[in-house]
């Protein structure tokens, strides 16, 4: 995602909390048939690849940039100290 590539993830806790289906990634059920269909869909649709890749990159920059992670760490340290 951080490289601006489309992301396919299974629709399970953790992944589904960070991916908006067909906006920042492609969610599918965790079975080989559905995963294969997701891969085929993305390979056949360059516009969708571009859209998901761009939105995925923006999501990572907003939520997991180095500045954001450092601030979360500092907040956690301050909370422990308090």
PDB file of N, CA and C in Angstrom:
ATOM      1  N   UNK A   1       0.814  -1.190   0.000  1.00  0.00           N
ATOM      2  CA  UNK A   1       0.000   0.000   0.000  1.00  0.00           C
ATOM      3  C   UNK A   1       0.862   1.260   0.000  1.00  0.00           C
ATOM      4  N   UNK A   2       1.939   1.240   0.770  1.00  0.00           N
ATOM      5  CA  UNK A   2       2.781   2.432   0.856  1.00  0.00           C
ATOM      6  C   UNK A   2       3.477   2.748  -0.467  1.00  0.00           C
ATOM      7  N   UNK A   3       3.586   1.766  -1.353  1.00  0.00           N
ATOM      8  CA  UNK A   3       4.179   1.991  -2.669  1.00  0.00           C
ATOM      9  C   UNK A   3       3.150   2.409  -3.708  1.00  0.00           C
ATOM     10  N   UNK A   4       1.891   2.576  -3.288  1.00  0.00           N
ATOM     11  CA  UNK A   4       0.858   2.981  -4.226  1.00  0.00           C
ATOM     12  C   UNK A   4       0.359   1.853  -5.103  1.00  0.00           C
ATOM     13  N   UNK A   5       0.487   0.632  -4.601  1.00  0.00           N
ATOM     14  CA  UNK A   5       0.008  -0.522  -5.350  1.00  0.00           C
ATOM     15  C   UNK A   5      -1.348  -0.975  -4.815  1.00  0.00           C
ATOM     16  N   UNK A   6      -2.180  -1.544  -5.663  1.00  0.00           N
ATOM     17  CA  UNK A   6      -3.474  -2.031  -5.183  1.00  0.00           C
ATOM     18  C   UNK A   6      -3.276  -3.172  -4.187  1.00  0.00           C
ATOM     19  N   UNK A   7      -4.156  -3.243  -3.227  1.00  0.00           N
ATOM     20  CA  UNK A   7      -4.043  -4.197  -2.133  1.00  0.00           C
ATOM     21  C   UNK A   7      -5.244  -5.128  -2.140  1.00  0.00           C
ATOM     22  N   UNK A   8      -4.981  -6.420  -2.026  1.00  0.00           N
ATOM     23  CA  UNK A   8      -6.040  -7.410  -1.845  1.00  0.00           C
ATOM     24  C   UNK A   8      -5.867  -7.993  -0.457  1.00  0.00           C
ATOM     25  N   UNK A   9      -6.917  -7.947   0.324  1.00  0.00           N
ATOM     26  CA  UNK A   9      -6.877  -8.511   1.666  1.00  0.00           C
ATOM     27  C   UNK A   9      -8.136  -9.307   1.944  1.00  0.00           C
ATOM     28  N   UNK A  10      -8.032 -10.203   2.901  1.00  0.00           N
ATOM     29  CA  UNK A  10      -9.208 -10.982   3.266  1.00  0.00           C
ATOM     30  C   UNK A  10     -10.057 -10.193   4.250  1.00  0.00           C
ATOM     31  N   UNK A  11     -11.326 -10.397   4.176  1.00  0.00           N
ATOM     32  CA  UNK A  11     -12.300  -9.647   4.954  1.00  0.00           C
ATOM     33  C   UNK A  11     -12.386 -10.210   6.380  1.00  0.00           C
ATOM     34  N   UNK A  12     -11.308  -9.993   7.140  1.00  0.00           N
ATOM     35  CA  UNK A  12     -11.231 -10.466   8.520  1.00  0.00           C
ATOM     36  C   UNK A  12     -10.859  -9.288   9.418  1.00  0.00           C
ATOM     37  N   UNK A  13     -11.096  -9.450  10.718  1.00  0.00           N
ATOM     38  CA  UNK A  13     -10.783  -8.401  11.680  1.00  0.00           C
ATOM     39  C   UNK A  13      -9.331  -7.979  11.535  1.00  0.00           C
ATOM     40  N   UNK A  14      -9.107  -6.704  11.619  1.00  0.00           N
ATOM     41  CA  UNK A  14      -7.763  -6.148  11.465  1.00  0.00           C
ATOM     42  C   UNK A  14      -7.572  -5.611  10.070  1.00  0.00           C
ATOM     43  N   UNK A  15      -7.728  -6.468   9.098  1.00  0.00           N
ATOM     44  CA  UNK A  15      -7.592  -6.025   7.709  1.00  0.00           C
ATOM     45  C   UNK A  15      -8.808  -5.196   7.311  1.00  0.00           C
ATOM     46  N   UNK A  16     -10.001  -5.694   7.610  1.00  0.00           N
ATOM     47  CA  UNK A  16     -11.205  -4.960   7.214  1.00  0.00           C
ATOM     48  C   UNK A  16     -11.335  -3.625   7.948  1.00  0.00           C
ATOM     49  N   UNK A  17     -10.637  -3.496   9.077  1.00  0.00           N
ATOM     50  CA  UNK A  17     -10.670  -2.233   9.817  1.00  0.00           C
ATOM     51  C   UNK A  17      -9.830  -1.152   9.150  1.00  0.00           C
ATOM     52  N   UNK A  18      -8.930  -1.549   8.272  1.00  0.00           N
ATOM     53  CA  UNK A  18      -8.028  -0.604   7.630  1.00  0.00           C
ATOM     54  C   UNK A  18      -8.227  -0.467   6.131  1.00  0.00           C
ATOM     55  N   UNK A  19      -9.094  -1.256   5.556  1.00  0.00           N
ATOM     56  CA  UNK A  19      -9.316  -1.228   4.119  1.00  0.00           C
ATOM     57  C   UNK A  19     -10.779  -0.927   3.836  1.00  0.00           C
ATOM     58  N   UNK A  20     -11.004   0.029   2.972  1.00  0.00           N
ATOM     59  CA  UNK A  20     -12.350   0.343   2.500  1.00  0.00           C
ATOM     60  C   UNK A  20     -12.483  -0.312   1.124  1.00  0.00           C
ATOM     61  N   UNK A  21     -13.327  -1.340   1.042  1.00  0.00           N
ATOM     62  CA  UNK A  21     -13.452  -2.141  -0.176  1.00  0.00           C
ATOM     63  C   UNK A  21     -13.734  -1.276  -1.398  1.00  0.00           C
ATOM     64  N   UNK A  22     -12.931  -1.484  -2.422  1.00  0.00           N
ATOM     65  CA  UNK A  22     -12.990  -0.787  -3.703  1.00  0.00           C
ATOM     66  C   UNK A  22     -12.692   0.702  -3.602  1.00  0.00           C
ATOM     67  N   UNK A  23     -12.175   1.131  -2.454  1.00  0.00           N
ATOM     68  CA  UNK A  23     -11.716   2.519  -2.295  1.00  0.00           C
ATOM     69  C   UNK A  23     -10.211   2.514  -2.038  1.00  0.00           C
ATOM     70  N   UNK A  24      -9.782   1.850  -0.958  1.00  0.00           N
ATOM     71  CA  UNK A  24      -8.347   1.795  -0.649  1.00  0.00           C
ATOM     72  C   UNK A  24      -7.784   0.380  -0.779  1.00  0.00           C
ATOM     73  N   UNK A  25      -8.621  -0.544  -1.187  1.00  0.00           N
ATOM     74  CA  UNK A  25      -8.177  -1.919  -1.361  1.00  0.00           C
ATOM     75  C   UNK A  25      -9.326  -2.797  -1.823  1.00  0.00           C
ATOM     76  N   UNK A  26      -9.028  -4.062  -1.961  1.00  0.00           N
ATOM     77  CA  UNK A  26     -10.022  -5.026  -2.422  1.00  0.00           C
ATOM     78  C   UNK A  26     -10.129  -6.106  -1.362  1.00  0.00           C
ATOM     79  N   UNK A  27     -11.296  -6.204  -0.732  1.00  0.00           N
ATOM     80  CA  UNK A  27     -11.529  -7.214   0.292  1.00  0.00           C
ATOM     81  C   UNK A  27     -12.249  -8.410  -0.311  1.00  0.00           C
ATOM     82  N   UNK A  28     -11.835  -9.587   0.099  1.00  0.00           N
ATOM     83  CA  UNK A  28     -12.479 -10.806  -0.356  1.00  0.00           C
ATOM     84  C   UNK A  28     -12.499 -11.811   0.796  1.00  0.00           C
ATOM     85  N   UNK A  29     -13.272 -12.853   0.626  1.00  0.00           N
ATOM     86  CA  UNK A  29     -13.316 -13.882   1.654  1.00  0.00           C
ATOM     87  C   UNK A  29     -12.029 -14.713   1.585  1.00  0.00           C
ATOM     88  N   UNK A  30     -11.650 -15.324   2.697  1.00  0.00           N
ATOM     89  CA  UNK A  30     -10.371 -16.048   2.734  1.00  0.00           C
ATOM     90  C   UNK A  30     -10.445 -17.464   2.167  1.00  0.00           C
ATOM     91  N   UNK A  31     -10.890 -17.555   0.920  1.00  0.00           N
ATOM     92  CA  UNK A  31     -10.876 -18.853   0.244  1.00  0.00           C
ATOM     93  C   UNK A  31     -10.226 -18.662  -1.122  1.00  0.00           C
ATOM     94  N   UNK A  32      -9.608 -19.711  -1.612  1.00  0.00           N
ATOM     95  CA  UNK A  32      -8.795 -19.583  -2.826  1.00  0.00           C
ATOM     96  C   UNK A  32      -9.596 -19.089  -4.021  1.00  0.00           C
ATOM     97  N   UNK A  33     -10.852 -19.490  -4.149  1.00  0.00           N
ATOM     98  CA  UNK A  33     -11.662 -19.080  -5.303  1.00  0.00           C
ATOM     99  C   UNK A  33     -11.895 -17.567  -5.286  1.00  0.00           C
ATOM    100  N   UNK A  34     -12.252 -17.033  -4.140  1.00  0.00           N
ATOM    101  CA  UNK A  34     -12.524 -15.601  -4.028  1.00  0.00           C
ATOM    102  C   UNK A  34     -11.253 -14.782  -4.187  1.00  0.00           C
ATOM    103  N   UNK A  35     -10.152 -15.271  -3.648  1.00  0.00           N
ATOM    104  CA  UNK A  35      -8.872 -14.574  -3.804  1.00  0.00           C
ATOM    105  C   UNK A  35      -8.459 -14.557  -5.271  1.00  0.00           C
ATOM    106  N   UNK A  36      -8.632 -15.684  -5.959  1.00  0.00           N
ATOM    107  CA  UNK A  36      -8.315 -15.754  -7.387  1.00  0.00           C
ATOM    108  C   UNK A  36      -9.181 -14.785  -8.186  1.00  0.00           C
ATOM    109  N   UNK A  37     -10.460 -14.691  -7.852  1.00  0.00           N
ATOM    110  CA  UNK A  37     -11.354 -13.751  -8.533  1.00  0.00           C
ATOM    111  C   UNK A  37     -10.907 -12.311  -8.305  1.00  0.00           C
ATOM    112  N   UNK A  38     -10.476 -12.003  -7.092  1.00  0.00           N
ATOM    113  CA  UNK A  38     -10.004 -10.652  -6.792  1.00  0.00           C
ATOM    114  C   UNK A  38      -8.761 -10.324  -7.619  1.00  0.00           C
ATOM    115  N   UNK A  39      -7.851 -11.266  -7.709  1.00  0.00           N
ATOM    116  CA  UNK A  39      -6.638 -11.064  -8.512  1.00  0.00           C
ATOM    117  C   UNK A  39      -6.998 -10.848  -9.974  1.00  0.00           C
ATOM    118  N   UNK A  40      -7.876 -11.684 -10.501  1.00  0.00           N
ATOM    119  CA  UNK A  40      -8.296 -11.542 -11.901  1.00  0.00           C
ATOM    120  C   UNK A  40      -8.966 -10.200 -12.144  1.00  0.00           C
ATOM    121  N   UNK A  41      -9.799  -9.768 -11.217  1.00  0.00           N
ATOM    122  CA  UNK A  41     -10.493  -8.480 -11.352  1.00  0.00           C
ATOM    123  C   UNK A  41      -9.483  -7.339 -11.423  1.00  0.00           C
ATOM    124  N   UNK A  42      -8.523  -7.344 -10.517  1.00  0.00           N
ATOM    125  CA  UNK A  42      -7.539  -6.266 -10.522  1.00  0.00           C
ATOM    126  C   UNK A  42      -6.636  -6.314 -11.752  1.00  0.00           C
ATOM    127  N   UNK A  43      -6.239  -7.496 -12.157  1.00  0.00           N
ATOM    128  CA  UNK A  43      -5.380  -7.599 -13.339  1.00  0.00           C
ATOM    129  C   UNK A  43      -6.078  -7.123 -14.613  1.00  0.00           C
ATOM    130  N   UNK A  44      -7.387  -7.244 -14.646  1.00  0.00           N
ATOM    131  CA  UNK A  44      -8.127  -6.883 -15.850  1.00  0.00           C
ATOM    132  C   UNK A  44      -8.623  -5.431 -15.861  1.00  0.00           C
ATOM    133  N   UNK A  45      -8.429  -4.706 -14.785  1.00  0.00           N
ATOM    134  CA  UNK A  45      -8.980  -3.348 -14.686  1.00  0.00           C
ATOM    135  C   UNK A  45      -7.894  -2.358 -14.245  1.00  0.00           C
ATOM    136  N   UNK A  46      -7.214  -1.764 -15.218  1.00  0.00           N
ATOM    137  CA  UNK A  46      -6.124  -0.831 -14.902  1.00  0.00           C
ATOM    138  C   UNK A  46      -6.611   0.401 -14.159  1.00  0.00           C
ATOM    139  N   UNK A  47      -7.815   0.874 -14.480  1.00  0.00           N
ATOM    140  CA  UNK A  47      -8.346   2.040 -13.775  1.00  0.00           C
ATOM    141  C   UNK A  47      -8.549   1.735 -12.291  1.00  0.00           C
ATOM    142  N   UNK A  48      -9.054   0.544 -11.996  1.00  0.00           N
ATOM    143  CA  UNK A  48      -9.240   0.143 -10.606  1.00  0.00           C
ATOM    144  C   UNK A  48      -7.888   0.000  -9.912  1.00  0.00           C
ATOM    145  N   UNK A  49      -6.905  -0.557 -10.600  1.00  0.00           N
ATOM    146  CA  UNK A  49      -5.558  -0.667 -10.031  1.00  0.00           C
ATOM    147  C   UNK A  49      -5.034   0.705  -9.626  1.00  0.00           C
ATOM    148  N   UNK A  50      -5.167   1.655 -10.531  1.00  0.00           N
ATOM    149  CA  UNK A  50      -4.669   3.012 -10.284  1.00  0.00           C
ATOM    150  C   UNK A  50      -5.410   3.656  -9.124  1.00  0.00           C
ATOM    151  N   UNK A  51      -6.722   3.560  -9.132  1.00  0.00           N
ATOM    152  CA  UNK A  51      -7.542   4.154  -8.071  1.00  0.00           C
ATOM    153  C   UNK A  51      -7.198   3.563  -6.709  1.00  0.00           C
ATOM    154  N   UNK A  52      -7.173   2.239  -6.616  1.00  0.00           N
ATOM    155  CA  UNK A  52      -6.890   1.596  -5.330  1.00  0.00           C
ATOM    156  C   UNK A  52      -5.464   1.899  -4.871  1.00  0.00           C
ATOM    157  N   UNK A  53      -4.515   1.878  -5.786  1.00  0.00           N
ATOM    158  CA  UNK A  53      -3.136   2.182  -5.431  1.00  0.00           C
ATOM    159  C   UNK A  53      -2.971   3.591  -4.905  1.00  0.00           C
ATOM    160  N   UNK A  54      -3.567   4.554  -5.572  1.00  0.00           N
ATOM    161  CA  UNK A  54      -3.485   5.953  -5.149  1.00  0.00           C
ATOM    162  C   UNK A  54      -4.135   6.147  -3.778  1.00  0.00           C
ATOM    163  N   UNK A  55      -5.337   5.584  -3.606  1.00  0.00           N
ATOM    164  CA  UNK A  55      -6.041   5.731  -2.334  1.00  0.00           C
ATOM    165  C   UNK A  55      -5.340   4.991  -1.201  1.00  0.00           C
ATOM    166  N   UNK A  56      -4.740   3.838  -1.519  1.00  0.00           N
ATOM    167  CA  UNK A  56      -3.996   3.088  -0.504  1.00  0.00           C
ATOM    168  C   UNK A  56      -2.803   3.901  -0.017  1.00  0.00           C
ATOM    169  N   UNK A  57      -2.068   4.477  -0.953  1.00  0.00           N
ATOM    170  CA  UNK A  57      -0.906   5.305  -0.589  1.00  0.00           C
ATOM    171  C   UNK A  57      -1.328   6.476   0.278  1.00  0.00           C
ATOM    172  N   UNK A  58      -2.392   7.160  -0.097  1.00  0.00           N
ATOM    173  CA  UNK A  58      -2.879   8.288   0.698  1.00  0.00           C
ATOM    174  C   UNK A  58      -3.296   7.849   2.099  1.00  0.00           C
ATOM    175  N   UNK A  59      -3.921   6.679   2.195  1.00  0.00           N
ATOM    176  CA  UNK A  59      -4.326   6.149   3.502  1.00  0.00           C
ATOM    177  C   UNK A  59      -3.105   5.911   4.392  1.00  0.00           C
ATOM    178  N   UNK A  60      -2.077   5.310   3.836  1.00  0.00           N
ATOM    179  CA  UNK A  60      -0.853   5.046   4.601  1.00  0.00           C
ATOM    180  C   UNK A  60      -0.208   6.349   5.045  1.00  0.00           C
ATOM    181  N   UNK A  61      -0.114   7.316   4.160  1.00  0.00           N
ATOM    182  CA  UNK A  61       0.497   8.596   4.521  1.00  0.00           C
ATOM    183  C   UNK A  61      -0.280   9.300   5.630  1.00  0.00           C
ATOM    184  N   UNK A  62      -1.594   9.220   5.581  1.00  0.00           N
ATOM    185  CA  UNK A  62      -2.425   9.852   6.619  1.00  0.00           C
ATOM    186  C   UNK A  62      -2.328   9.138   7.961  1.00  0.00           C
ATOM    187  N   UNK A  63      -2.253   7.824   7.935  1.00  0.00           N
ATOM    188  CA  UNK A  63      -2.390   7.049   9.169  1.00  0.00           C
ATOM    189  C   UNK A  63      -1.111   6.408   9.686  1.00  0.00           C
ATOM    190  N   UNK A  64      -0.107   6.233   8.847  1.00  0.00           N
ATOM    191  CA  UNK A  64       1.093   5.504   9.261  1.00  0.00           C
ATOM    192  C   UNK A  64       2.394   6.165   8.824  1.00  0.00           C
ATOM    193  N   UNK A  65       2.360   7.479   8.625  1.00  0.00           N
ATOM    194  CA  UNK A  65       3.601   8.177   8.290  1.00  0.00           C
ATOM    195  C   UNK A  65       4.533   8.126   9.503  1.00  0.00           C
ATOM    196  N   UNK A  66       5.819   8.355   9.279  1.00  0.00           N
ATOM    197  CA  UNK A  66       6.787   8.332  10.370  1.00  0.00           C
ATOM    198  C   UNK A  66       6.407   9.346  11.444  1.00  0.00           C
ATOM    199  N   UNK A  67       6.007  10.543  11.034  1.00  0.00           N
ATOM    200  CA  UNK A  67       5.599  11.562  12.005  1.00  0.00           C
ATOM    201  C   UNK A  67       4.423  11.092  12.858  1.00  0.00           C
ATOM    202  N   UNK A  68       3.458  10.454  12.228  1.00  0.00           N
ATOM    203  CA  UNK A  68       2.275   9.957  12.940  1.00  0.00           C
ATOM    204  C   UNK A  68       2.663   8.863  13.938  1.00  0.00           C
ATOM    205  N   UNK A  69       3.502   7.933  13.516  1.00  0.00           N
ATOM    206  CA  UNK A  69       3.926   6.833  14.381  1.00  0.00           C
ATOM    207  C   UNK A  69       4.750   7.358  15.559  1.00  0.00           C
ATOM    208  N   UNK A  70       5.657   8.284  15.299  1.00  0.00           N
ATOM    209  CA  UNK A  70       6.461   8.867  16.383  1.00  0.00           C
ATOM    210  C   UNK A  70       5.554   9.563  17.387  1.00  0.00           C
ATOM    211  N   UNK A  71       4.571  10.300  16.900  1.00  0.00           N
ATOM    212  CA  UNK A  71       3.656  10.984  17.808  1.00  0.00           C
ATOM    213  C   UNK A  71       2.855   9.992  18.647  1.00  0.00           C
ATOM    214  N   UNK A  72       2.399   8.911  18.043  1.00  0.00           N
ATOM    215  CA  UNK A  72       1.680   7.877  18.801  1.00  0.00           C
ATOM    216  C   UNK A  72       2.577   7.270  19.888  1.00  0.00           C
ATOM    217  N   UNK A  73       3.839   7.036  19.561  1.00  0.00           N
ATOM    218  CA  UNK A  73       4.790   6.510  20.547  1.00  0.00           C
ATOM    219  C   UNK A  73       5.003   7.501  21.687  1.00  0.00           C
ATOM    220  N   UNK A  74       5.194   8.784  21.356  1.00  0.00           N
ATOM    221  CA  UNK A  74       5.371   9.799  22.386  1.00  0.00           C
ATOM    222  C   UNK A  74       4.143   9.916  23.263  1.00  0.00           C
ATOM    223  N   UNK A  75       2.971   9.862  22.685  1.00  0.00           N
ATOM    224  CA  UNK A  75       1.739   9.915  23.465  1.00  0.00           C
ATOM    225  C   UNK A  75       1.645   8.741  24.430  1.00  0.00           C
ATOM    226  N   UNK A  76       2.029   7.550  23.969  1.00  0.00           N
ATOM    227  CA  UNK A  76       1.983   6.355  24.816  1.00  0.00           C
ATOM    228  C   UNK A  76       2.976   6.488  25.970  1.00  0.00           C
ATOM    229  N   UNK A  77       4.175   6.988  25.685  1.00  0.00           N
ATOM    230  CA  UNK A  77       5.186   7.183  26.737  1.00  0.00           C
ATOM    231  C   UNK A  77       4.692   8.185  27.775  1.00  0.00           C
ATOM    232  N   UNK A  78       4.134   9.302  27.290  1.00  0.00           N
ATOM    233  CA  UNK A  78       3.614  10.319  28.199  1.00  0.00           C
ATOM    234  C   UNK A  78       2.489   9.769  29.068  1.00  0.00           C
ATOM    235  N   UNK A  79       1.658   8.915  28.501  1.00  0.00           N
ATOM    236  CA  UNK A  79       0.566   8.308  29.250  1.00  0.00           C
ATOM    237  C   UNK A  79       1.095   7.380  30.343  1.00  0.00           C
ATOM    238  N   UNK A  80       2.138   6.628  30.028  1.00  0.00           N
ATOM    239  CA  UNK A  80       2.738   5.734  31.015  1.00  0.00           C
ATOM    240  C   UNK A  80       3.374   6.528  32.142  1.00  0.00           C
ATOM    241  N   UNK A  81       4.056   7.606  31.798  1.00  0.00           N
ATOM    242  CA  UNK A  81       4.713   8.447  32.809  1.00  0.00           C
ATOM    243  C   UNK A  81       3.680   9.095  33.726  1.00  0.00           C
ATOM    244  N   UNK A  82       2.577   9.538  33.145  1.00  0.00           N
ATOM    245  CA  UNK A  82       1.533  10.214  33.941  1.00  0.00           C
ATOM    246  C   UNK A  82       0.849   9.194  34.828  1.00  0.00           C
TER     247      UNK A  82
END
